[in-house]
């Protein structure tokens, strides 16, 4: 995406590390500078029409957040808006974006029944809950969640099956 004065580009690149990061490219010199680090995915970026500032949406630790990047100070600030996605500045500097919050649920389906059953939630939350594994011997369900702010495995859930 071109800067308002068309002297720079901001692009996202998928790195060999598995992360997607933003880079600032000077059109004249073709010099590229990495602006971000640690993002699994980017969900939109835009230039402020009158300030040296970017807004972007990035995914870290399973959570989609909005960020502002001041190009003069080279500081990134978390906007603290969960789910901010595909941001776009209007000509007057107003910010518009898609609010992308999805509830997450661990589901259970009876597969041994002669008649198909409907899935029902075992656990529902605003946090990611992935990769469930149930131990019949321990009668415990473990899964990966980002509720703590990092993708950590939880092992203290006792479902009532």
N, C-alpha and C. Protein backbone atom coordinates (compact mmCIF):
# COMPACT_ATOMS: atom_id res chain seq x y z
N UNK A 1 0.84 -1.16 0.00
CA UNK A 1 0.00 0.00 0.00
C UNK A 1 0.89 1.24 0.00
N UNK A 2 0.62 2.16 -0.92
CA UNK A 2 1.39 3.38 -1.04
C UNK A 2 1.11 4.34 0.12
N UNK A 3 2.13 5.09 0.50
CA UNK A 3 1.96 6.17 1.46
C UNK A 3 1.16 7.27 0.77
N UNK A 4 0.55 8.20 1.53
CA UNK A 4 -0.22 9.28 0.90
C UNK A 4 0.59 10.11 -0.09
N UNK A 5 1.91 10.26 0.14
CA UNK A 5 2.74 11.03 -0.80
C UNK A 5 3.40 10.13 -1.85
N UNK A 6 3.11 8.85 -1.83
CA UNK A 6 3.59 7.85 -2.80
C UNK A 6 5.11 7.69 -2.83
N UNK A 7 5.79 8.00 -1.72
CA UNK A 7 7.24 7.82 -1.66
C UNK A 7 7.64 6.52 -0.97
N UNK A 8 6.67 5.90 -0.32
CA UNK A 8 6.93 4.66 0.42
C UNK A 8 5.82 3.66 0.19
N UNK A 9 6.14 2.41 0.47
CA UNK A 9 5.16 1.33 0.45
C UNK A 9 5.22 0.61 1.78
N UNK A 10 4.08 0.14 2.26
CA UNK A 10 4.07 -0.79 3.38
C UNK A 10 3.52 -2.10 2.81
N UNK A 11 4.26 -3.18 3.09
CA UNK A 11 3.86 -4.50 2.60
C UNK A 11 3.96 -5.50 3.75
N UNK A 12 3.22 -6.57 3.62
CA UNK A 12 3.37 -7.67 4.58
C UNK A 12 4.10 -8.80 3.88
N UNK A 13 4.94 -9.47 4.64
CA UNK A 13 5.71 -10.60 4.10
C UNK A 13 5.59 -11.78 5.06
N UNK A 14 5.42 -12.96 4.47
CA UNK A 14 5.47 -14.19 5.25
C UNK A 14 6.92 -14.63 5.35
N UNK A 15 7.42 -14.74 6.56
CA UNK A 15 8.82 -15.08 6.78
C UNK A 15 8.99 -16.59 6.97
N UNK A 16 10.18 -17.11 6.77
CA UNK A 16 10.43 -18.54 6.96
C UNK A 16 10.14 -19.01 8.40
N UNK A 17 10.11 -18.08 9.34
CA UNK A 17 9.82 -18.41 10.74
C UNK A 17 8.35 -18.75 10.96
N UNK A 18 7.51 -18.48 9.95
CA UNK A 18 6.08 -18.71 10.10
C UNK A 18 5.31 -17.46 10.48
N UNK A 19 6.01 -16.37 10.71
CA UNK A 19 5.36 -15.12 11.07
C UNK A 19 5.12 -14.27 9.83
N UNK A 20 4.11 -13.41 9.91
CA UNK A 20 3.84 -12.43 8.86
C UNK A 20 4.12 -11.06 9.46
N UNK A 21 4.95 -10.29 8.81
CA UNK A 21 5.38 -9.00 9.36
C UNK A 21 5.21 -7.89 8.35
N UNK A 22 5.15 -6.65 8.86
CA UNK A 22 5.07 -5.46 8.02
C UNK A 22 6.46 -4.91 7.74
N UNK A 23 6.67 -4.49 6.48
CA UNK A 23 7.92 -3.88 6.05
C UNK A 23 7.61 -2.56 5.38
N UNK A 24 8.47 -1.57 5.62
CA UNK A 24 8.37 -0.26 4.99
C UNK A 24 9.44 -0.20 3.90
N UNK A 25 9.03 0.11 2.67
CA UNK A 25 9.94 0.15 1.54
C UNK A 25 10.02 1.57 0.99
N UNK A 26 11.24 2.08 0.88
CA UNK A 26 11.47 3.39 0.27
C UNK A 26 11.47 3.18 -1.24
N UNK A 27 10.59 3.89 -1.95
CA UNK A 27 10.44 3.70 -3.40
C UNK A 27 11.72 4.05 -4.15
N UNK A 28 12.40 5.12 -3.75
CA UNK A 28 13.60 5.58 -4.46
C UNK A 28 14.77 4.61 -4.31
N UNK A 29 15.02 4.15 -3.08
CA UNK A 29 16.20 3.32 -2.81
C UNK A 29 15.90 1.82 -2.80
N UNK A 30 14.64 1.46 -2.71
CA UNK A 30 14.20 0.06 -2.58
C UNK A 30 14.64 -0.56 -1.26
N UNK A 31 15.08 0.26 -0.31
CA UNK A 31 15.47 -0.22 1.02
C UNK A 31 14.21 -0.64 1.78
N UNK A 32 14.25 -1.83 2.37
CA UNK A 32 13.12 -2.34 3.15
C UNK A 32 13.50 -2.42 4.62
N UNK A 33 12.60 -1.94 5.48
CA UNK A 33 12.83 -1.97 6.92
C UNK A 33 11.67 -2.71 7.57
N UNK A 34 12.00 -3.72 8.39
CA UNK A 34 10.96 -4.46 9.10
C UNK A 34 10.41 -3.62 10.24
N UNK A 35 9.08 -3.49 10.30
CA UNK A 35 8.43 -2.67 11.32
C UNK A 35 7.91 -3.48 12.51
N UNK A 36 7.48 -4.71 12.26
CA UNK A 36 6.83 -5.51 13.31
C UNK A 36 7.58 -6.82 13.51
N UNK A 37 7.27 -7.48 14.62
CA UNK A 37 7.80 -8.83 14.84
C UNK A 37 6.86 -9.59 15.77
N UNK A 38 6.74 -10.90 15.50
CA UNK A 38 5.96 -11.76 16.37
C UNK A 38 4.51 -11.94 15.99
N UNK A 39 4.11 -11.50 14.80
CA UNK A 39 2.72 -11.64 14.38
C UNK A 39 2.55 -12.88 13.51
N UNK A 40 1.57 -13.68 13.85
CA UNK A 40 1.27 -14.89 13.08
C UNK A 40 0.56 -14.54 11.78
N UNK A 41 -0.22 -13.48 11.81
CA UNK A 41 -1.03 -13.11 10.65
C UNK A 41 -1.34 -11.62 10.72
N UNK A 42 -1.47 -11.00 9.56
CA UNK A 42 -1.90 -9.60 9.47
C UNK A 42 -3.28 -9.57 8.84
N UNK A 43 -4.14 -8.71 9.35
CA UNK A 43 -5.50 -8.58 8.85
C UNK A 43 -5.82 -7.14 8.49
N UNK A 44 -4.96 -6.57 7.63
CA UNK A 44 -5.20 -5.23 7.12
C UNK A 44 -4.26 -4.19 7.66
N UNK A 45 -3.95 -3.21 6.81
CA UNK A 45 -3.08 -2.09 7.18
C UNK A 45 -3.51 -0.88 6.36
N UNK A 46 -3.38 0.33 6.94
CA UNK A 46 -3.69 1.55 6.20
C UNK A 46 -2.85 2.69 6.74
N UNK A 47 -2.61 3.68 5.87
CA UNK A 47 -1.87 4.89 6.22
C UNK A 47 -2.84 5.96 6.69
N UNK A 48 -2.45 6.70 7.71
CA UNK A 48 -3.23 7.88 8.11
C UNK A 48 -3.06 8.92 6.99
N UNK A 49 -4.13 9.61 6.61
CA UNK A 49 -4.03 10.55 5.48
C UNK A 49 -3.19 11.79 5.77
N UNK A 50 -3.03 12.18 7.06
CA UNK A 50 -2.33 13.44 7.38
C UNK A 50 -1.18 13.29 8.37
N UNK A 51 -0.96 12.11 8.90
CA UNK A 51 0.08 11.90 9.91
C UNK A 51 1.01 10.77 9.46
N UNK A 52 2.23 10.76 9.97
CA UNK A 52 3.14 9.65 9.66
C UNK A 52 2.78 8.43 10.54
N UNK A 53 1.65 7.86 10.28
CA UNK A 53 1.14 6.79 11.14
C UNK A 53 0.43 5.72 10.32
N UNK A 54 0.65 4.47 10.74
CA UNK A 54 -0.06 3.32 10.17
C UNK A 54 -1.02 2.77 11.22
N UNK A 55 -2.06 2.16 10.75
CA UNK A 55 -2.91 1.35 11.61
C UNK A 55 -2.93 -0.04 10.97
N UNK A 56 -2.86 -1.07 11.80
CA UNK A 56 -2.93 -2.42 11.25
C UNK A 56 -3.55 -3.37 12.25
N UNK A 57 -3.97 -4.50 11.75
CA UNK A 57 -4.52 -5.56 12.57
C UNK A 57 -3.56 -6.73 12.51
N UNK A 58 -3.19 -7.25 13.66
CA UNK A 58 -2.27 -8.38 13.71
C UNK A 58 -2.75 -9.43 14.70
N UNK A 59 -2.35 -10.66 14.45
CA UNK A 59 -2.71 -11.78 15.32
C UNK A 59 -1.46 -12.20 16.09
N UNK A 60 -1.57 -12.13 17.42
CA UNK A 60 -0.51 -12.58 18.33
C UNK A 60 -1.14 -13.45 19.39
N UNK A 61 -0.54 -14.59 19.65
CA UNK A 61 -1.01 -15.50 20.69
C UNK A 61 -2.48 -15.84 20.51
N UNK A 62 -2.89 -16.00 19.25
CA UNK A 62 -4.26 -16.40 18.96
C UNK A 62 -5.29 -15.29 19.08
N UNK A 63 -4.86 -14.06 19.29
CA UNK A 63 -5.78 -12.95 19.50
C UNK A 63 -5.57 -11.87 18.44
N UNK A 64 -6.65 -11.42 17.84
CA UNK A 64 -6.61 -10.37 16.83
C UNK A 64 -6.78 -9.02 17.52
N UNK A 65 -5.80 -8.11 17.27
CA UNK A 65 -5.80 -6.80 17.90
C UNK A 65 -5.46 -5.74 16.87
N UNK A 66 -5.81 -4.50 17.17
CA UNK A 66 -5.43 -3.37 16.35
C UNK A 66 -4.25 -2.65 16.95
N UNK A 67 -3.38 -2.11 16.08
CA UNK A 67 -2.18 -1.42 16.52
C UNK A 67 -1.99 -0.16 15.69
N UNK A 68 -1.35 0.83 16.31
CA UNK A 68 -0.92 2.03 15.61
C UNK A 68 0.61 2.01 15.58
N UNK A 69 1.18 2.40 14.45
CA UNK A 69 2.64 2.48 14.33
C UNK A 69 3.00 3.89 13.90
N UNK A 70 3.71 4.61 14.79
CA UNK A 70 4.16 5.97 14.49
C UNK A 70 5.48 5.87 13.74
N UNK A 71 5.50 6.30 12.49
CA UNK A 71 6.68 6.18 11.65
C UNK A 71 7.82 7.11 12.08
N UNK A 72 7.50 8.25 12.71
CA UNK A 72 8.55 9.18 13.17
C UNK A 72 9.27 8.63 14.40
N UNK A 73 8.50 8.18 15.39
CA UNK A 73 9.09 7.69 16.63
C UNK A 73 9.41 6.19 16.57
N UNK A 74 8.91 5.51 15.55
CA UNK A 74 9.06 4.06 15.38
C UNK A 74 8.48 3.29 16.56
N UNK A 75 7.41 3.84 17.12
CA UNK A 75 6.73 3.19 18.24
C UNK A 75 5.43 2.55 17.79
N UNK A 76 5.21 1.35 18.30
CA UNK A 76 3.96 0.64 18.04
C UNK A 76 3.14 0.68 19.33
N UNK A 77 1.85 1.01 19.19
CA UNK A 77 0.96 1.10 20.34
C UNK A 77 -0.24 0.20 20.10
N UNK A 78 -0.54 -0.64 21.08
CA UNK A 78 -1.72 -1.49 21.01
C UNK A 78 -2.96 -0.60 21.18
N UNK A 79 -3.91 -0.69 20.27
CA UNK A 79 -5.14 0.12 20.34
C UNK A 79 -6.10 -0.43 21.40
N UNK A 80 -5.83 -1.62 21.91
CA UNK A 80 -6.69 -2.27 22.91
C UNK A 80 -8.13 -2.40 22.42
N UNK A 81 -8.25 -2.76 21.14
CA UNK A 81 -9.57 -3.04 20.56
C UNK A 81 -9.52 -4.47 20.04
N UNK A 82 -10.08 -5.39 20.84
CA UNK A 82 -10.10 -6.79 20.43
C UNK A 82 -10.88 -6.95 19.14
N UNK A 83 -10.34 -7.73 18.25
CA UNK A 83 -11.03 -8.06 17.01
C UNK A 83 -10.91 -7.03 15.91
N UNK A 84 -10.17 -5.93 16.14
CA UNK A 84 -10.02 -4.91 15.10
C UNK A 84 -9.41 -5.55 13.86
N UNK A 85 -10.11 -5.45 12.73
CA UNK A 85 -9.66 -6.07 11.48
C UNK A 85 -9.94 -5.16 10.31
N UNK A 86 -9.11 -5.28 9.28
CA UNK A 86 -9.26 -4.56 8.02
C UNK A 86 -9.53 -3.07 8.24
N UNK A 87 -8.62 -2.39 8.97
CA UNK A 87 -8.82 -0.96 9.25
C UNK A 87 -8.64 -0.11 7.99
N UNK A 88 -9.36 0.99 7.98
CA UNK A 88 -9.23 1.94 6.87
C UNK A 88 -9.52 3.34 7.38
N UNK A 89 -8.60 4.26 7.06
CA UNK A 89 -8.79 5.66 7.41
C UNK A 89 -9.63 6.35 6.34
N UNK A 90 -10.54 7.22 6.78
CA UNK A 90 -11.26 8.11 5.87
C UNK A 90 -10.37 9.32 5.62
N UNK A 91 -10.72 10.15 4.64
CA UNK A 91 -9.92 11.33 4.30
C UNK A 91 -9.77 12.30 5.48
N UNK A 92 -10.76 12.31 6.38
CA UNK A 92 -10.68 13.21 7.54
C UNK A 92 -9.93 12.60 8.72
N UNK A 93 -9.40 11.39 8.56
CA UNK A 93 -8.65 10.73 9.63
C UNK A 93 -9.48 9.83 10.51
N UNK A 94 -10.79 9.76 10.27
CA UNK A 94 -11.63 8.83 11.03
C UNK A 94 -11.23 7.40 10.67
N UNK A 95 -11.27 6.53 11.66
CA UNK A 95 -10.87 5.14 11.45
C UNK A 95 -12.10 4.25 11.41
N UNK A 96 -12.18 3.43 10.37
CA UNK A 96 -13.24 2.46 10.22
C UNK A 96 -12.60 1.06 10.19
N UNK A 97 -13.29 0.10 10.76
CA UNK A 97 -12.74 -1.26 10.77
C UNK A 97 -13.86 -2.27 10.99
N UNK A 98 -13.52 -3.49 10.67
CA UNK A 98 -14.43 -4.61 10.91
C UNK A 98 -14.12 -5.15 12.30
N UNK A 99 -15.15 -5.33 13.12
CA UNK A 99 -14.99 -5.91 14.46
C UNK A 99 -15.15 -7.41 14.32
N UNK A 100 -14.06 -8.17 14.46
CA UNK A 100 -14.06 -9.60 14.20
C UNK A 100 -13.81 -10.36 15.50
N UNK A 101 -14.84 -10.55 16.28
CA UNK A 101 -14.76 -11.37 17.49
C UNK A 101 -15.60 -12.60 17.28
N UNK A 102 -15.00 -13.74 17.48
CA UNK A 102 -15.71 -15.00 17.29
C UNK A 102 -15.65 -15.78 18.60
N UNK A 103 -16.80 -16.19 19.08
CA UNK A 103 -16.79 -17.05 20.24
C UNK A 103 -16.22 -18.40 19.85
N UNK A 104 -15.51 -19.01 20.76
CA UNK A 104 -14.88 -20.29 20.51
C UNK A 104 -15.56 -21.33 21.39
N UNK A 105 -15.72 -22.53 20.89
CA UNK A 105 -16.36 -23.59 21.67
C UNK A 105 -15.71 -24.93 21.38
N UNK A 106 -15.58 -25.71 22.43
CA UNK A 106 -15.23 -27.12 22.26
C UNK A 106 -16.55 -27.86 22.14
N UNK A 107 -16.67 -28.69 21.12
CA UNK A 107 -17.93 -29.37 20.85
C UNK A 107 -17.79 -30.87 21.04
N UNK A 108 -18.93 -31.52 21.27
CA UNK A 108 -18.96 -32.97 21.41
C UNK A 108 -20.07 -33.52 20.53
N UNK A 109 -19.75 -34.61 19.82
CA UNK A 109 -20.74 -35.30 18.98
C UNK A 109 -20.65 -36.79 19.31
N UNK A 110 -21.78 -37.39 19.56
CA UNK A 110 -21.82 -38.84 19.75
C UNK A 110 -21.62 -39.50 18.41
N UNK A 111 -20.56 -40.29 18.27
CA UNK A 111 -20.29 -40.93 16.99
C UNK A 111 -20.63 -42.42 16.99
N UNK A 112 -20.93 -42.97 18.17
CA UNK A 112 -21.20 -44.40 18.24
C UNK A 112 -22.70 -44.72 18.19
N UNK A 113 -23.54 -43.70 18.09
CA UNK A 113 -24.99 -43.92 18.03
C UNK A 113 -25.42 -44.38 16.64
N UNK A 114 -26.48 -45.15 16.59
CA UNK A 114 -27.04 -45.58 15.30
C UNK A 114 -27.68 -44.40 14.58
N UNK A 115 -28.20 -43.45 15.36
CA UNK A 115 -28.82 -42.25 14.80
C UNK A 115 -27.87 -41.07 15.03
N UNK A 116 -27.69 -40.27 14.00
CA UNK A 116 -26.79 -39.13 14.11
C UNK A 116 -27.26 -38.16 15.18
N UNK A 117 -26.32 -37.64 15.94
CA UNK A 117 -26.66 -36.66 16.98
C UNK A 117 -26.16 -35.29 16.56
N UNK A 118 -26.66 -34.27 17.23
CA UNK A 118 -26.22 -32.89 16.97
C UNK A 118 -25.07 -32.55 17.90
N UNK A 119 -24.13 -31.75 17.43
CA UNK A 119 -23.05 -31.34 18.33
C UNK A 119 -23.57 -30.38 19.39
N UNK A 120 -23.01 -30.47 20.58
CA UNK A 120 -23.35 -29.50 21.63
C UNK A 120 -22.07 -29.05 22.30
N UNK A 121 -22.05 -27.80 22.77
CA UNK A 121 -20.82 -27.26 23.35
C UNK A 121 -20.52 -27.86 24.72
N UNK A 122 -19.26 -28.21 24.90
CA UNK A 122 -18.76 -28.65 26.20
C UNK A 122 -18.28 -27.41 26.95
N UNK A 123 -17.69 -26.47 26.21
CA UNK A 123 -17.15 -25.24 26.77
C UNK A 123 -17.26 -24.15 25.73
N UNK A 124 -17.74 -22.98 26.11
CA UNK A 124 -17.87 -21.86 25.19
C UNK A 124 -17.27 -20.62 25.84
N UNK A 125 -16.46 -19.87 25.07
CA UNK A 125 -15.81 -18.69 25.63
C UNK A 125 -15.41 -17.73 24.52
N UNK A 126 -14.87 -16.57 24.92
CA UNK A 126 -14.34 -15.59 23.97
C UNK A 126 -12.89 -15.90 23.62
N UNK A 127 -12.30 -16.89 24.29
CA UNK A 127 -10.90 -17.26 24.05
C UNK A 127 -10.85 -18.44 23.09
N UNK A 128 -9.71 -18.62 22.45
CA UNK A 128 -9.52 -19.77 21.58
C UNK A 128 -9.42 -21.04 22.41
N UNK A 129 -10.08 -22.07 21.98
CA UNK A 129 -9.95 -23.39 22.60
C UNK A 129 -9.75 -24.37 21.46
N UNK A 130 -8.55 -24.95 21.39
CA UNK A 130 -8.18 -25.78 20.25
C UNK A 130 -7.57 -27.09 20.70
N UNK A 131 -7.52 -28.03 19.78
CA UNK A 131 -6.83 -29.30 19.92
C UNK A 131 -7.23 -30.07 21.18
N UNK A 132 -8.52 -30.33 21.38
CA UNK A 132 -8.93 -31.06 22.58
C UNK A 132 -8.45 -32.52 22.55
N UNK A 133 -8.17 -33.04 23.73
CA UNK A 133 -7.81 -34.44 23.88
C UNK A 133 -8.39 -34.93 25.20
N UNK A 134 -9.19 -35.98 25.15
CA UNK A 134 -9.83 -36.52 26.35
C UNK A 134 -9.16 -37.82 26.77
N UNK A 135 -8.83 -37.93 28.05
CA UNK A 135 -8.26 -39.15 28.60
C UNK A 135 -9.35 -39.86 29.40
N UNK A 136 -9.74 -41.03 28.91
CA UNK A 136 -10.75 -41.83 29.62
C UNK A 136 -10.20 -42.29 30.96
N UNK A 137 -8.91 -42.66 30.98
CA UNK A 137 -8.28 -43.14 32.22
C UNK A 137 -8.28 -42.07 33.30
N UNK A 138 -7.98 -40.83 32.92
CA UNK A 138 -7.92 -39.74 33.90
C UNK A 138 -9.25 -38.99 34.03
N UNK A 139 -10.12 -39.22 33.05
CA UNK A 139 -11.40 -38.49 32.99
C UNK A 139 -11.15 -36.99 32.97
N UNK A 140 -10.19 -36.60 32.13
CA UNK A 140 -9.82 -35.19 31.99
C UNK A 140 -9.78 -34.82 30.52
N UNK A 141 -10.11 -33.58 30.26
CA UNK A 141 -10.03 -33.01 28.92
C UNK A 141 -8.95 -31.94 28.95
N UNK A 142 -8.01 -32.00 28.02
CA UNK A 142 -7.00 -30.95 27.89
C UNK A 142 -7.17 -30.30 26.54
N UNK A 143 -6.79 -29.03 26.44
CA UNK A 143 -6.87 -28.29 25.19
C UNK A 143 -5.94 -27.10 25.26
N UNK A 144 -5.66 -26.51 24.12
CA UNK A 144 -4.83 -25.32 24.05
C UNK A 144 -5.75 -24.10 24.06
N UNK A 145 -5.40 -23.13 24.90
CA UNK A 145 -6.21 -21.92 25.03
C UNK A 145 -5.29 -20.71 25.12
N UNK A 146 -5.81 -19.55 24.70
CA UNK A 146 -5.04 -18.31 24.84
C UNK A 146 -5.62 -17.43 25.95
N UNK A 147 -6.39 -18.00 26.85
CA UNK A 147 -7.00 -17.22 27.93
C UNK A 147 -5.96 -16.54 28.81
N UNK A 148 -4.82 -17.16 29.02
CA UNK A 148 -3.79 -16.59 29.88
C UNK A 148 -2.96 -15.52 29.17
N UNK A 149 -3.19 -15.35 27.87
CA UNK A 149 -2.39 -14.40 27.10
C UNK A 149 -1.33 -15.08 26.27
N UNK A 150 -1.17 -16.37 26.46
CA UNK A 150 -0.26 -17.16 25.63
C UNK A 150 -0.97 -18.47 25.30
N UNK A 151 -0.47 -19.16 24.30
CA UNK A 151 -1.09 -20.43 23.93
C UNK A 151 -0.57 -21.51 24.87
N UNK A 152 -1.29 -21.77 25.96
CA UNK A 152 -0.86 -22.73 26.98
C UNK A 152 -1.84 -23.89 27.07
N UNK A 153 -1.35 -25.04 27.47
CA UNK A 153 -2.19 -26.22 27.60
C UNK A 153 -2.83 -26.24 28.98
N UNK A 154 -4.11 -26.46 29.06
CA UNK A 154 -4.84 -26.55 30.32
C UNK A 154 -5.18 -28.00 30.59
N UNK A 155 -5.13 -28.43 31.83
CA UNK A 155 -5.40 -29.84 32.13
C UNK A 155 -6.27 -30.00 33.38
N UNK A 156 -7.14 -29.07 33.62
CA UNK A 156 -7.95 -29.15 34.83
C UNK A 156 -9.44 -29.12 34.59
N UNK A 157 -9.84 -29.51 33.42
CA UNK A 157 -11.25 -29.46 33.05
C UNK A 157 -11.83 -30.86 33.16
N UNK A 158 -12.85 -31.05 33.97
CA UNK A 158 -13.52 -32.34 34.14
C UNK A 158 -14.90 -32.28 33.50
N UNK A 159 -15.03 -32.75 32.26
CA UNK A 159 -16.35 -32.73 31.63
C UNK A 159 -17.26 -33.79 32.24
N UNK A 160 -18.52 -33.54 32.21
CA UNK A 160 -19.53 -34.49 32.73
C UNK A 160 -20.15 -35.21 31.55
N UNK A 161 -19.50 -36.30 31.11
CA UNK A 161 -20.03 -37.08 29.99
C UNK A 161 -20.92 -38.18 30.52
